[in-house]
Amino acid sequence: MFSLKAGPEADVRPETPEERIIWFSITATYLFYLVGGLYVLAPVLAWSLVMRAAWLHLKGRQRFPRLPWPLWVWIIGMIVMEFSLLAGHLIENLGTGKLIKSSIGWAKGWALLAVFPIIGCLAIRPAVIIRAAMHVCLHTMLLLPVFVGAWLAGLPQVPFVSPLQAIGGPGPEFFAVSLYEIDPGSGMPRWRLFTPWAPAVGFVASIYFACALLEKHPLWKAIGIGGSVLMILMSGSRMALVSLVLISAGMFLLKRLHKPWLWFSFSGVSLIGGFLGAPILEAIDNFIAAFKGSRADSTRVRAALGRIAVDRWRNEAPWFGHGIVERGPHLVEYMPIGSHHSWYGLLFVKGIFGLFALLVPMLVSLLHLLRFVVGRPVVQLGLIMVGLLFVYSFGENLEILAYLIWPGLILIGKAHQLAGLPASEGHIHNMGPVDVEKPSSRTAAAPPSADTGSSDTAT
């Protein structure tokens, strides 16, 4: 084995119980993937850590962290999601069985968008999450010959589906071990690695890429950037390629917002843009057309799904939605109505209440973090994560992929926690204003008689 240590910043080790649990859960991603346990891991991890923190608080061993007010907006928003779900089921007369099933789905999906940011306020340093993500990038690079070799050798695309599928989930692809897949449009291979479909790899890789930009150790930084870019290329995701540019540009600008030359540059760019406005707009239109045309069939299906969702939402269930997902017609290849788009999906399933239950918390987080972004790397990273949620909400259903993107959700919570602190405390090694677990009364101190005895002997 070789050592990756090159200085104090390289020594990132889990110190608290929360950090150890998070560290193992991220670094063992491929291990959980092989047994089909990733979809189960996230909700169990989320609710267990929150209940553990509440139990320690009741026992007086660790004070439950004070939550920043934007996280309360997320909590209220996700509760409104459940309220909309209940109302939709009752209005549509879907029955008690489907109501219970949908509520369990809420606890495994939308609720995690509030629970994991709460976990971010526990005794967890952002550096631990960042370094753990770098390990996943390293594992991906090491496993590259296996995935590519499986395609070259013509091995079965999905050799194994975990028996854990029996516990229930959106589909078998969430429990399957996939070596590769063939794009029906281009006939070229794509890899979805430990995710249910290839574009989801791009989503996770975008989160890891943003983390890599804040990694302090040069070698781990290079591994993180290289591994995350490799994952994006293997996924063939168009949105991930766009996100790669947006993240790089966004982090560059956020780190330099306090520099006067940046604002002078903006004025110059605005002046040039005024003269070259028409060519720039034409270039943007051409880019969008090329972006959609690169997978014309996918673009057509997505657009049709959106039209059907909006039309049925407007005419059938505008306030609380239909309560459940429904399969679309042959025109959209029988894909669920509202899929591939969080906002269309919310309108169809949970109505206008559901849409605002996500929109308001997202806008609150963006504005709150933007206020404190100068000089605080963790807040900058949290803002990037919220931006990724917003961007990907137009191409994915966030609640379905919450079990994969939870490291980014934790970082959003930590960013809110550190936002109100002095800028000098906004670095990735700061745990924030939290209590560390105190030992139980059984092991807190040695018996008084031992001290007395040793004192008598000394005398």
Protein backbone atom coordinates (compact mmCIF):
# COMPACT_ATOMS: atom_id res chain seq x y z
CA MET A 1 0.00 0.00 0.00
CA PHE A 2 1.05 3.58 -0.57
CA SER A 3 0.49 6.57 1.65
CA LEU A 4 -1.41 9.62 0.50
CA LYS A 5 -0.31 11.74 3.45
CA ALA A 6 1.55 14.90 2.58
CA GLY A 7 0.86 17.26 5.45
CA PRO A 8 -1.61 18.12 8.20
CA GLU A 9 -4.44 18.66 5.71
CA ALA A 10 -4.07 15.05 4.53
CA ASP A 11 -4.92 13.59 7.92
CA VAL A 12 -8.72 13.56 7.72
CA ARG A 13 -10.00 10.86 10.02
CA PRO A 14 -13.47 10.37 11.51
CA GLU A 15 -13.49 11.47 15.13
CA THR A 16 -17.11 11.40 16.34
CA PRO A 17 -19.61 8.52 16.08
CA GLU A 18 -21.57 10.50 13.51
CA GLU A 19 -18.47 10.99 11.38
CA ARG A 20 -17.59 7.30 11.54
CA ILE A 21 -21.08 6.29 10.42
CA ILE A 22 -21.09 8.81 7.56
CA TRP A 23 -17.55 7.90 6.54
CA PHE A 24 -18.34 4.19 6.28
CA SER A 25 -21.65 4.79 4.51
CA ILE A 26 -19.95 6.80 1.76
CA THR A 27 -16.67 4.92 1.36
CA ALA A 28 -18.52 1.58 1.25
CA THR A 29 -20.76 2.74 -1.62
CA TYR A 30 -19.69 -0.04 -3.97
CA LEU A 31 -19.98 -2.63 -1.20
CA PHE A 32 -23.58 -1.65 -0.51
CA TYR A 33 -24.18 -1.53 -4.26
CA LEU A 34 -23.02 -5.14 -4.70
CA VAL A 35 -25.61 -6.38 -2.20
CA GLY A 36 -28.32 -4.03 -3.48
CA GLY A 37 -28.40 -2.10 -0.23
CA LEU A 38 -27.91 1.50 -1.33
CA TYR A 39 -31.62 2.22 -1.63
CA VAL A 40 -32.17 0.83 1.88
CA LEU A 41 -29.11 2.49 3.42
CA ALA A 42 -30.09 6.15 2.99
CA PRO A 43 -33.47 6.22 4.80
CA VAL A 44 -32.20 3.91 7.55
CA LEU A 45 -29.12 6.10 8.00
CA ALA A 46 -31.11 9.35 8.00
CA TRP A 47 -33.83 8.41 10.46
CA SER A 48 -31.44 6.46 12.70
CA LEU A 49 -29.03 9.37 13.12
CA VAL A 50 -31.82 11.84 13.86
CA MET A 51 -33.48 9.52 16.37
CA ARG A 52 -30.09 8.79 17.95
CA ALA A 53 -29.45 12.52 18.37
CA ALA A 54 -32.89 12.99 19.92
CA TRP A 55 -32.33 10.05 22.29
CA LEU A 56 -28.94 11.39 23.40
CA HIS A 57 -30.58 14.76 24.00
CA LEU A 58 -33.23 13.19 26.21
CA LYS A 59 -30.54 11.28 28.10
CA GLY A 60 -28.58 14.49 28.65
CA ARG A 61 -25.50 13.14 26.89
CA GLN A 62 -25.55 15.42 23.86
CA ARG A 63 -27.59 18.54 23.22
CA PHE A 64 -29.63 18.39 20.02
CA PRO A 65 -28.21 21.06 17.69
CA ARG A 66 -30.02 24.31 17.22
CA LEU A 67 -31.33 24.28 13.67
CA PRO A 68 -30.84 27.34 11.42
CA TRP A 69 -34.16 28.86 10.44
CA PRO A 70 -33.87 27.91 6.71
CA LEU A 71 -33.86 24.25 7.74
CA TRP A 72 -37.20 24.80 9.45
CA VAL A 73 -38.50 25.99 6.10
CA TRP A 74 -37.33 22.69 4.58
CA ILE A 75 -38.99 20.74 7.39
CA ILE A 76 -42.28 22.60 6.93
CA GLY A 77 -42.06 22.18 3.16
CA MET A 78 -41.61 18.42 3.37
CA ILE A 79 -44.48 18.16 5.88
CA VAL A 80 -46.63 20.03 3.36
CA MET A 81 -45.58 17.36 0.84
CA GLU A 82 -47.05 14.68 3.09
CA PHE A 83 -50.18 16.80 3.67
CA SER A 84 -50.66 17.13 -0.10
CA LEU A 85 -50.14 13.40 -0.49
CA LEU A 86 -52.78 12.61 2.13
CA ALA A 87 -55.24 15.08 0.60
CA GLY A 88 -54.68 13.69 -2.89
CA HIS A 89 -55.32 10.13 -1.73
CA LEU A 90 -58.48 11.08 0.14
CA ILE A 91 -59.88 13.16 -2.73
CA GLU A 92 -59.12 10.47 -5.31
CA ASN A 93 -60.39 7.65 -3.01
CA LEU A 94 -57.24 5.59 -3.49
CA GLY A 95 -57.70 3.49 -0.38
CA THR A 96 -55.85 2.95 2.88
CA GLY A 97 -53.31 0.52 1.42
CA LYS A 98 -52.02 2.96 -1.19
CA LEU A 99 -52.04 5.76 1.38
CA ILE A 100 -49.76 3.81 3.72
CA LYS A 101 -47.49 2.78 0.85
CA SER A 102 -47.22 6.35 -0.41
CA SER A 103 -46.47 7.67 3.09
CA ILE A 104 -43.65 5.15 3.45
CA GLY A 105 -42.40 6.35 0.07
CA TRP A 106 -42.50 9.93 1.36
CA ALA A 107 -40.34 8.91 4.35
CA LYS A 108 -37.83 7.33 1.94
CA GLY A 109 -37.93 10.20 -0.54
CA TRP A 110 -39.09 13.77 -0.03
CA ALA A 111 -38.62 13.66 3.75
CA LEU A 112 -34.90 13.00 3.29
CA LEU A 113 -34.51 16.45 1.72
CA ALA A 114 -35.18 17.84 5.21
CA VAL A 115 -33.74 15.06 7.39
CA PHE A 116 -30.24 14.98 5.89
CA PRO A 117 -29.71 18.76 6.24
CA ILE A 118 -30.64 18.30 9.91
CA ILE A 119 -27.91 15.64 10.14
CA GLY A 120 -25.55 18.24 8.69
CA CYS A 121 -25.96 20.17 11.96
CA LEU A 122 -24.58 17.26 14.01
CA ALA A 123 -20.92 16.76 14.94
CA ILE A 124 -19.72 16.21 11.37
CA ARG A 125 -16.93 18.07 9.61
CA PRO A 126 -17.38 18.79 5.89
CA ALA A 127 -13.80 17.59 5.31
CA VAL A 128 -14.85 14.06 6.28
CA ILE A 129 -17.63 13.99 3.69
CA ILE A 130 -15.35 15.50 1.05
CA ARG A 131 -12.56 12.99 1.67
CA ALA A 132 -15.01 10.08 1.72
CA ALA A 133 -16.33 11.20 -1.68
CA MET A 134 -12.76 11.19 -2.98
CA HIS A 135 -12.52 7.53 -1.96
CA VAL A 136 -15.58 6.70 -4.08
CA CYS A 137 -13.91 8.46 -7.02
CA LEU A 138 -10.78 6.36 -6.45
CA HIS A 139 -12.82 3.16 -6.30
CA THR A 140 -14.51 4.09 -9.59
CA MET A 141 -11.16 4.57 -11.29
CA LEU A 142 -9.93 1.23 -9.98
CA LEU A 143 -13.11 -0.54 -11.15
CA LEU A 144 -13.01 1.03 -14.63
CA PRO A 145 -11.35 -2.05 -16.24
CA VAL A 146 -14.09 -4.27 -14.80
CA PHE A 147 -16.95 -2.22 -16.26
CA VAL A 148 -15.30 -1.63 -19.64
CA GLY A 149 -14.06 -5.21 -19.79
CA ALA A 150 -17.59 -6.52 -19.20
CA TRP A 151 -18.81 -4.59 -22.24
CA LEU A 152 -15.90 -5.71 -24.42
CA ALA A 153 -16.39 -9.33 -23.36
CA GLY A 154 -20.13 -9.19 -24.04
CA LEU A 155 -21.11 -10.18 -20.52
CA PRO A 156 -24.75 -9.83 -19.39
CA GLN A 157 -25.65 -6.20 -18.74
CA VAL A 158 -27.43 -6.96 -15.47
CA PRO A 159 -26.06 -10.19 -14.01
CA PHE A 160 -27.68 -9.86 -10.60
CA VAL A 161 -30.70 -8.33 -8.86
CA SER A 162 -30.53 -8.28 -5.06
CA PRO A 163 -33.17 -10.15 -3.03
CA LEU A 164 -33.57 -6.90 -1.09
CA GLN A 165 -35.93 -5.90 -3.89
CA ALA A 166 -38.55 -7.78 -1.89
CA ILE A 167 -38.75 -4.95 0.65
CA GLY A 168 -40.22 -2.70 -2.03
CA GLY A 169 -38.97 0.17 -4.14
CA PRO A 170 -39.56 2.09 -7.36
CA GLY A 171 -38.24 -0.77 -9.51
CA PRO A 172 -35.67 -3.58 -9.87
CA GLU A 173 -33.07 -1.20 -11.28
CA PHE A 174 -32.64 0.23 -7.77
CA PHE A 175 -31.41 -3.16 -6.53
CA ALA A 176 -29.61 -4.40 -9.64
CA VAL A 177 -25.89 -4.82 -10.25
CA SER A 178 -25.36 -3.34 -13.72
CA LEU A 179 -22.09 -3.78 -15.59
CA TYR A 180 -23.06 -1.58 -18.55
CA GLU A 181 -25.97 -0.69 -20.81
CA ILE A 182 -26.41 0.13 -24.48
CA ASP A 183 -27.95 3.44 -25.48
CA PRO A 184 -30.84 2.55 -27.82
CA GLY A 185 -30.39 5.75 -29.81
CA SER A 186 -26.66 5.67 -30.50
CA GLY A 187 -25.88 2.01 -29.86
CA MET A 188 -22.94 3.06 -27.70
CA PRO A 189 -22.29 1.80 -24.18
CA ARG A 190 -23.17 3.80 -21.08
CA TRP A 191 -22.50 2.99 -17.47
CA ARG A 192 -24.80 3.68 -14.56
CA LEU A 193 -22.41 2.21 -11.97
CA PHE A 194 -24.16 2.19 -8.58
CA THR A 195 -27.20 4.25 -9.68
CA PRO A 196 -30.52 3.18 -11.28
CA TRP A 197 -29.87 4.92 -14.62
CA ALA A 198 -26.92 6.56 -16.34
CA PRO A 199 -27.89 10.27 -15.91
CA ALA A 200 -28.08 9.69 -12.15
CA VAL A 201 -24.35 8.89 -12.22
CA GLY A 202 -23.81 12.35 -13.66
CA PHE A 203 -25.80 13.87 -10.79
CA VAL A 204 -23.74 12.10 -8.12
CA ALA A 205 -20.49 12.81 -9.99
CA SER A 206 -21.37 16.52 -10.13
CA ILE A 207 -21.67 16.54 -6.34
CA TYR A 208 -18.32 14.77 -5.99
CA PHE A 209 -16.69 17.17 -8.46
CA ALA A 210 -17.82 20.16 -6.41
CA CYS A 211 -16.43 18.46 -3.29
CA ALA A 212 -13.12 17.82 -5.05
CA LEU A 213 -12.67 21.53 -5.71
CA LEU A 214 -12.49 22.09 -1.92
CA GLU A 215 -10.26 19.10 -1.16
CA LYS A 216 -7.03 20.34 0.44
CA HIS A 217 -4.70 17.46 -0.33
CA PRO A 218 -3.32 17.78 -3.91
CA LEU A 219 -3.32 14.04 -4.67
CA TRP A 220 -6.81 13.41 -3.34
CA LYS A 221 -7.96 16.54 -5.17
CA ALA A 222 -6.59 15.17 -8.45
CA ILE A 223 -8.21 11.78 -7.77
CA GLY A 224 -11.55 13.44 -7.00
CA ILE A 225 -11.55 15.62 -10.10
CA GLY A 226 -10.35 12.80 -12.35
CA GLY A 227 -12.75 10.24 -10.89
CA SER A 228 -15.81 12.49 -11.02
CA VAL A 229 -15.11 13.58 -14.59
CA LEU A 230 -14.63 9.92 -15.51
CA MET A 231 -18.02 9.09 -14.00
CA ILE A 232 -19.65 11.89 -15.99
CA LEU A 233 -18.07 10.68 -19.25
CA MET A 234 -19.09 7.09 -18.53
CA SER A 235 -22.67 8.18 -17.89
CA GLY A 236 -22.94 10.10 -21.16
CA SER A 237 -25.16 12.61 -19.36
CA ARG A 238 -25.64 15.91 -21.18
CA MET A 239 -26.84 17.69 -18.05
CA ALA A 240 -23.78 16.51 -16.12
CA LEU A 241 -21.47 18.00 -18.74
CA VAL A 242 -23.29 21.32 -18.44
CA SER A 243 -23.12 21.07 -14.64
CA LEU A 244 -19.38 20.51 -14.85
CA VAL A 245 -18.97 23.91 -16.51
CA LEU A 246 -21.44 25.62 -14.18
CA ILE A 247 -19.76 24.24 -11.05
CA SER A 248 -16.29 25.27 -12.21
CA ALA A 249 -17.42 28.75 -13.15
CA GLY A 250 -19.58 29.11 -10.05
CA MET A 251 -16.85 28.11 -7.62
CA PHE A 252 -14.35 30.38 -9.39
CA LEU A 253 -16.68 33.36 -9.06
CA LEU A 254 -17.84 32.64 -5.50
CA LYS A 255 -14.26 32.52 -4.24
CA ARG A 256 -13.57 35.95 -5.75
CA LEU A 257 -16.72 37.90 -5.01
CA HIS A 258 -14.76 40.17 -2.67
CA LYS A 259 -12.27 41.07 -5.40
CA PRO A 260 -12.89 44.52 -6.99
CA TRP A 261 -11.46 43.43 -10.34
CA LEU A 262 -14.23 40.84 -10.69
CA TRP A 263 -16.96 43.48 -10.58
CA PHE A 264 -15.06 45.69 -13.01
CA SER A 265 -14.82 42.65 -15.30
CA PHE A 266 -18.57 42.20 -15.08
CA SER A 267 -19.10 45.76 -16.24
CA GLY A 268 -16.80 45.16 -19.20
CA VAL A 269 -18.52 41.92 -20.10
CA SER A 270 -21.91 43.66 -19.89
CA LEU A 271 -20.70 46.36 -22.26
CA ILE A 272 -19.38 43.82 -24.76
CA GLY A 273 -22.59 41.80 -24.39
CA GLY A 274 -24.59 44.87 -25.36
CA PHE A 275 -22.77 45.10 -28.69
CA LEU A 276 -22.74 41.35 -29.35
CA GLY A 277 -26.15 40.52 -27.90
CA ALA A 278 -27.67 39.11 -31.08
CA PRO A 279 -24.79 36.72 -31.92
CA ILE A 280 -24.63 35.56 -28.29
CA LEU A 281 -28.36 34.81 -28.20
CA GLU A 282 -28.08 32.99 -31.51
CA ALA A 283 -25.19 30.91 -30.17
CA ILE A 284 -27.23 30.05 -27.06
CA ASP A 285 -30.18 28.99 -29.23
CA ASN A 286 -27.87 26.83 -31.36
CA PHE A 287 -26.41 25.24 -28.22
CA ILE A 288 -29.87 24.43 -26.86
CA ALA A 289 -30.93 22.96 -30.19
CA ALA A 290 -27.78 20.84 -30.34
CA PHE A 291 -28.25 19.81 -26.71
CA LYS A 292 -31.77 18.57 -27.41
CA GLY A 293 -30.85 17.08 -30.75
CA SER A 294 -28.04 14.94 -29.36
CA ARG A 295 -30.73 12.58 -28.01
CA ALA A 296 -33.81 13.57 -29.98
CA ASP A 297 -35.91 10.60 -28.84
CA SER A 298 -35.20 11.29 -25.19
CA THR A 299 -36.02 14.99 -25.64
CA ARG A 300 -39.29 14.13 -27.40
CA VAL A 301 -40.40 11.73 -24.65
CA ARG A 302 -39.50 14.18 -21.89
CA ALA A 303 -41.43 16.99 -23.58
CA ALA A 304 -44.48 14.78 -24.07
CA LEU A 305 -44.38 13.65 -20.43
CA GLY A 306 -44.31 17.28 -19.35
CA ARG A 307 -47.25 18.25 -21.55
CA ILE A 308 -49.37 15.36 -20.31
CA ALA A 309 -48.53 16.12 -16.67
CA VAL A 310 -49.38 19.81 -16.92
CA ASP A 311 -52.59 19.20 -18.89
CA ARG A 312 -53.93 16.58 -16.48
CA TRP A 313 -52.85 18.60 -13.43
CA ARG A 314 -54.63 21.71 -14.68
CA ASN A 315 -57.85 19.94 -15.69
CA GLU A 316 -58.16 17.18 -13.08
CA ALA A 317 -56.38 17.93 -9.78
CA PRO A 318 -54.91 21.44 -9.55
CA TRP A 319 -54.61 21.79 -5.75
CA PHE A 320 -53.39 18.46 -4.33
CA GLY A 321 -52.62 16.42 -7.43
CA HIS A 322 -53.54 12.82 -8.20
CA GLY A 323 -51.81 11.36 -5.14
CA ILE A 324 -49.89 8.64 -7.02
CA VAL A 325 -47.78 8.20 -10.12
CA GLU A 326 -49.50 6.85 -13.22
CA ARG A 327 -48.08 5.23 -16.31
CA GLY A 328 -48.22 7.27 -19.48
CA PRO A 329 -49.49 6.12 -22.91
CA HIS A 330 -47.54 4.44 -25.70
CA LEU A 331 -46.54 7.91 -26.95
CA VAL A 332 -44.15 8.24 -23.98
CA GLU A 333 -43.17 4.54 -23.96
CA TYR A 334 -45.37 3.96 -20.90
CA MET A 335 -43.05 5.98 -18.66
CA PRO A 336 -44.58 7.45 -15.48
CA ILE A 337 -46.30 10.79 -16.03
CA GLY A 338 -44.21 13.60 -14.58
CA SER A 339 -41.02 11.56 -14.45
CA HIS A 340 -37.69 13.05 -15.57
CA HIS A 341 -38.81 16.40 -14.14
CA SER A 342 -39.38 17.24 -10.47
CA TRP A 343 -41.72 20.18 -11.10
CA TYR A 344 -44.00 18.37 -13.55
CA GLY A 345 -44.00 15.37 -11.24
CA LEU A 346 -44.96 17.51 -8.26
CA LEU A 347 -47.79 19.17 -10.14
CA PHE A 348 -49.21 15.84 -11.27
CA VAL A 349 -48.84 13.93 -7.98
CA LYS A 350 -49.10 16.67 -5.31
CA GLY A 351 -50.57 19.67 -7.11
CA ILE A 352 -49.71 23.33 -6.63
CA PHE A 353 -49.21 22.78 -2.89
CA GLY A 354 -46.49 20.24 -3.59
CA LEU A 355 -44.75 22.49 -6.09
CA PHE A 356 -44.47 25.39 -3.64
CA ALA A 357 -43.46 22.98 -0.86
CA LEU A 358 -40.20 22.47 -2.79
CA LEU A 359 -39.85 25.85 -4.49
CA VAL A 360 -40.02 27.97 -1.31
CA PRO A 361 -37.34 26.04 0.68
CA MET A 362 -35.06 25.97 -2.34
CA LEU A 363 -35.32 29.73 -2.86
CA VAL A 364 -34.86 30.38 0.87
CA SER A 365 -31.67 28.30 0.91
CA LEU A 366 -30.30 30.03 -2.18
CA LEU A 367 -30.91 33.52 -0.81
CA HIS A 368 -29.71 32.73 2.73
CA LEU A 369 -26.46 31.09 1.62
CA LEU A 370 -25.82 33.77 -0.98
CA ARG A 371 -25.93 36.39 1.79
CA PHE A 372 -23.06 34.71 3.69
CA VAL A 373 -21.09 33.24 0.79
CA VAL A 374 -18.09 35.62 0.82
CA GLY A 375 -15.02 34.09 2.44
CA ARG A 376 -16.78 30.92 3.62
CA PRO A 377 -15.79 27.83 1.57
CA VAL A 378 -18.41 25.55 3.14
CA VAL A 379 -21.17 28.06 2.43
CA GLN A 380 -19.91 28.31 -1.15
CA LEU A 381 -20.08 24.52 -1.45
CA GLY A 382 -23.56 24.47 0.07
CA LEU A 383 -24.73 27.09 -2.41
CA ILE A 384 -23.34 25.00 -5.27
CA MET A 385 -25.25 21.98 -3.92
CA VAL A 386 -28.53 23.91 -3.80
CA GLY A 387 -27.81 25.10 -7.34
CA LEU A 388 -27.32 21.48 -8.44
CA LEU A 389 -30.65 20.53 -6.88
CA PHE A 390 -32.31 23.31 -8.84
CA VAL A 391 -30.62 22.42 -12.14
CA TYR A 392 -31.29 18.70 -11.84
CA SER A 393 -34.89 19.27 -10.78
CA PHE A 394 -35.55 19.94 -14.48
CA GLY A 395 -34.17 16.57 -15.56
CA GLU A 396 -34.66 14.21 -12.62
CA ASN A 397 -37.12 13.47 -9.82
CA LEU A 398 -35.19 14.60 -6.75
CA GLU A 399 -37.11 12.46 -4.28
CA ILE A 400 -36.26 9.24 -6.11
CA LEU A 401 -32.53 10.04 -6.12
CA ALA A 402 -32.39 11.38 -2.55
CA TYR A 403 -30.86 8.07 -1.49
CA LEU A 404 -27.83 8.84 -3.69
CA ILE A 405 -27.36 12.59 -3.29
CA TRP A 406 -27.57 12.68 0.52
CA PRO A 407 -23.90 13.72 1.03
CA GLY A 408 -24.77 16.95 -0.78
CA LEU A 409 -27.86 17.40 1.41
CA ILE A 410 -25.73 17.05 4.56
CA LEU A 411 -23.37 19.71 3.21
CA ILE A 412 -26.35 22.03 2.64
CA GLY A 413 -27.28 21.66 6.29
CA LYS A 414 -23.72 22.28 7.45
CA ALA A 415 -23.47 25.34 5.18
CA HIS A 416 -26.56 26.85 6.82
CA GLN A 417 -25.14 26.08 10.25
CA LEU A 418 -21.82 27.81 9.50
CA ALA A 419 -23.38 30.71 7.56
CA GLY A 420 -23.98 32.86 10.61
CA LEU A 421 -20.50 32.34 12.07
CA PRO A 422 -17.48 34.55 11.36
CA ALA A 423 -15.92 33.98 7.96
CA SER A 424 -12.81 32.51 9.59
CA GLU A 425 -14.92 29.59 10.85
CA GLY A 426 -16.45 28.73 7.48
CA HIS A 427 -13.72 26.25 6.48
CA ILE A 428 -14.17 22.54 5.78
CA HIS A 429 -12.51 21.36 9.01
CA ASN A 430 -14.95 23.20 11.28
CA MET A 431 -17.58 21.05 12.96
CA GLY A 432 -19.68 24.06 13.92
CA PRO A 433 -21.42 24.98 17.20
CA VAL A 434 -22.31 21.41 18.22
CA ASP A 435 -22.05 19.25 21.31
CA VAL A 436 -19.93 16.11 21.17
CA GLU A 437 -21.43 13.04 22.80
CA LYS A 438 -20.57 12.70 26.48
CA PRO A 439 -19.76 9.26 27.91
CA SER A 440 -22.54 7.42 29.70
CA SER A 441 -22.76 7.51 33.49
CA ARG A 442 -21.38 3.97 33.68
CA THR A 443 -18.02 4.96 32.17
CA ALA A 444 -17.90 8.67 32.94
CA ALA A 445 -15.53 8.41 35.92
CA ALA A 446 -13.66 5.93 38.04
CA PRO A 447 -15.12 4.98 41.47
CA PRO A 448 -14.19 7.42 44.26
CA SER A 449 -12.71 4.57 46.31
CA ALA A 450 -9.94 4.08 43.76
CA ASP A 451 -8.82 7.68 44.11
CA THR A 452 -9.04 7.43 47.92
CA GLY A 453 -7.02 4.24 47.98
CA SER A 454 -4.23 5.61 45.85
CA SER A 455 -4.15 8.73 48.02
CA ASP A 456 -3.77 6.68 51.20
CA THR A 457 -1.01 4.64 49.67
CA ALA A 458 0.88 7.77 48.67
CA THR A 459 0.51 9.11 52.15
